[in-house]
Amino acid sequence: MEPKPKELFSNFPLIYLRPREDREKPEIGIYNCPLYKVVSRVGTLSTTGHSTNFVMFMEVPTCEKEEMWILGGVASFLSLRY
């Protein structure tokens, strides 16, 4: 859901990651939320083409279109402080 007015950060529930082979990725109803190590979102470009601050994309369930979250700049962070 959208944040409250003037709310920069909000808590995200704990997520249990369970790897599965041959999993089919959902086409609709998810937002591929980028997960970063720190809030700055900057890092050096690695050989994979991603920032060294970037960790992974999390598939977050949503009823809204993915574009809404992208335009809002929604991302997750592992640490709010350095």
C-alpha atoms as a PDB file:
ATOM      1  CA  MET A   1       0.000   0.000   0.000  1.00  0.00           C
ATOM      2  CA  GLU A   2       1.050   3.583  -0.410  1.00  0.00           C
ATOM      3  CA  PRO A   3       2.945   5.292   2.423  1.00  0.00           C
ATOM      4  CA  LYS A   4       1.409   7.829   4.769  1.00  0.00           C
ATOM      5  CA  PRO A   5       2.007  11.511   3.937  1.00  0.00           C
ATOM      6  CA  LYS A   6       5.609  12.607   4.669  1.00  0.00           C
ATOM      7  CA  GLU A   7       6.641   9.031   5.501  1.00  0.00           C
ATOM      8  CA  LEU A   8      10.031   8.368   3.910  1.00  0.00           C
ATOM      9  CA  PHE A   9      10.562   4.829   5.187  1.00  0.00           C
ATOM     10  CA  SER A  10       8.251   2.109   6.437  1.00  0.00           C
ATOM     11  CA  ASN A  11       8.853  -1.383   7.774  1.00  0.00           C
ATOM     12  CA  PHE A  12       8.631  -4.389   5.508  1.00  0.00           C
ATOM     13  CA  PRO A  13       7.641  -7.788   6.871  1.00  0.00           C
ATOM     14  CA  LEU A  14      10.276 -10.497   7.212  1.00  0.00           C
ATOM     15  CA  ILE A  15      10.607 -12.626   4.116  1.00  0.00           C
ATOM     16  CA  TYR A  16      11.535 -16.277   3.980  1.00  0.00           C
ATOM     17  CA  LEU A  17      13.426 -17.041   0.760  1.00  0.00           C
ATOM     18  CA  ARG A  18      13.130 -20.622  -0.391  1.00  0.00           C
ATOM     19  CA  PRO A  19      14.944 -21.473  -3.639  1.00  0.00           C
ATOM     20  CA  ARG A  20      13.108 -23.744  -6.075  1.00  0.00           C
ATOM     21  CA  GLU A  21      14.221 -25.308  -9.310  1.00  0.00           C
ATOM     22  CA  ASP A  22      12.176 -24.803 -12.494  1.00  0.00           C
ATOM     23  CA  ARG A  23       9.930 -22.184 -10.909  1.00  0.00           C
ATOM     24  CA  GLU A  24       7.679 -20.259 -13.286  1.00  0.00           C
ATOM     25  CA  LYS A  25       7.818 -16.520 -12.710  1.00  0.00           C
ATOM     26  CA  PRO A  26       4.379 -14.875 -12.318  1.00  0.00           C
ATOM     27  CA  GLU A  27       3.438 -12.535 -15.172  1.00  0.00           C
ATOM     28  CA  ILE A  28       0.951 -10.319 -13.307  1.00  0.00           C
ATOM     29  CA  GLY A  29       0.212  -9.270  -9.747  1.00  0.00           C
ATOM     30  CA  ILE A  30       3.809  -8.638  -8.668  1.00  0.00           C
ATOM     31  CA  TYR A  31       6.202  -5.715  -8.399  1.00  0.00           C
ATOM     32  CA  ASN A  32       9.874  -6.510  -8.944  1.00  0.00           C
ATOM     33  CA  CYS A  33      11.111  -4.396  -6.054  1.00  0.00           C
ATOM     34  CA  PRO A  34      14.852  -3.673  -6.113  1.00  0.00           C
ATOM     35  CA  LEU A  35      16.682  -4.508  -2.896  1.00  0.00           C
ATOM     36  CA  TYR A  36      19.754  -2.416  -2.055  1.00  0.00           C
ATOM     37  CA  LYS A  37      22.338  -2.672   0.726  1.00  0.00           C
ATOM     38  CA  VAL A  38      22.125   1.019   1.738  1.00  0.00           C
ATOM     39  CA  VAL A  39      19.795   3.948   1.062  1.00  0.00           C
ATOM     40  CA  SER A  40      22.160   5.829  -1.263  1.00  0.00           C
ATOM     41  CA  ARG A  41      21.408   3.402  -4.153  1.00  0.00           C
ATOM     42  CA  VAL A  42      24.856   4.170  -5.580  1.00  0.00           C
ATOM     43  CA  GLY A  43      27.775   1.841  -5.975  1.00  0.00           C
ATOM     44  CA  THR A  44      30.352   0.972  -8.567  1.00  0.00           C
ATOM     45  CA  LEU A  45      29.280  -0.899 -11.663  1.00  0.00           C
ATOM     46  CA  SER A  46      30.255  -4.557 -11.422  1.00  0.00           C
ATOM     47  CA  THR A  47      30.908  -7.037 -14.208  1.00  0.00           C
ATOM     48  CA  THR A  48      27.280  -8.238 -13.969  1.00  0.00           C
ATOM     49  CA  GLY A  49      26.070  -4.798 -15.062  1.00  0.00           C
ATOM     50  CA  HIS A  50      24.468  -4.040 -11.692  1.00  0.00           C
ATOM     51  CA  SER A  51      25.604  -1.676  -8.976  1.00  0.00           C
ATOM     52  CA  THR A  52      27.622  -3.249  -6.154  1.00  0.00           C
ATOM     53  CA  ASN A  53      24.952  -1.789  -3.847  1.00  0.00           C
ATOM     54  CA  PHE A  54      22.208  -3.786  -5.624  1.00  0.00           C
ATOM     55  CA  VAL A  55      21.325  -7.160  -4.047  1.00  0.00           C
ATOM     56  CA  MET A  56      18.359  -8.631  -5.952  1.00  0.00           C
ATOM     57  CA  PHE A  57      14.801  -8.079  -7.115  1.00  0.00           C
ATOM     58  CA  MET A  58      12.040  -9.171  -4.732  1.00  0.00           C
ATOM     59  CA  GLU A  59       8.687 -10.221  -6.154  1.00  0.00           C
ATOM     60  CA  VAL A  60       6.226  -8.252  -4.022  1.00  0.00           C
ATOM     61  CA  PRO A  61       2.525  -9.073  -4.492  1.00  0.00           C
ATOM     62  CA  THR A  62       0.419  -6.070  -5.544  1.00  0.00           C
ATOM     63  CA  CYS A  63      -3.019  -5.233  -6.898  1.00  0.00           C
ATOM     64  CA  GLU A  64      -1.677  -2.085  -8.575  1.00  0.00           C
ATOM     65  CA  LYS A  65       0.207  -1.879 -11.852  1.00  0.00           C
ATOM     66  CA  GLU A  66       3.970  -2.193 -11.557  1.00  0.00           C
ATOM     67  CA  GLU A  67       4.402   1.231 -13.198  1.00  0.00           C
ATOM     68  CA  MET A  68       2.824   2.917 -10.159  1.00  0.00           C
ATOM     69  CA  TRP A  69       5.563   1.608  -7.863  1.00  0.00           C
ATOM     70  CA  ILE A  70       8.319   2.336 -10.397  1.00  0.00           C
ATOM     71  CA  LEU A  71       7.204   5.964 -10.817  1.00  0.00           C
ATOM     72  CA  GLY A  72       7.051   6.276  -7.026  1.00  0.00           C
ATOM     73  CA  GLY A  73      10.665   5.082  -6.734  1.00  0.00           C
ATOM     74  CA  VAL A  74       9.732   2.274  -4.345  1.00  0.00           C
ATOM     75  CA  ALA A  75      12.708   0.179  -3.240  1.00  0.00           C
ATOM     76  CA  SER A  76      13.790  -1.915  -0.253  1.00  0.00           C
ATOM     77  CA  PHE A  77      16.964  -1.470   1.760  1.00  0.00           C
ATOM     78  CA  LEU A  78      18.880  -3.791   4.047  1.00  0.00           C
ATOM     79  CA  SER A  79      20.188  -0.901   6.131  1.00  0.00           C
ATOM     80  CA  LEU A  80      18.935   2.658   6.646  1.00  0.00           C
ATOM     81  CA  ARG A  81      22.245   3.679   8.223  1.00  0.00           C
ATOM     82  CA  TYR A  82      25.776   3.199   6.963  1.00  0.00           C
END
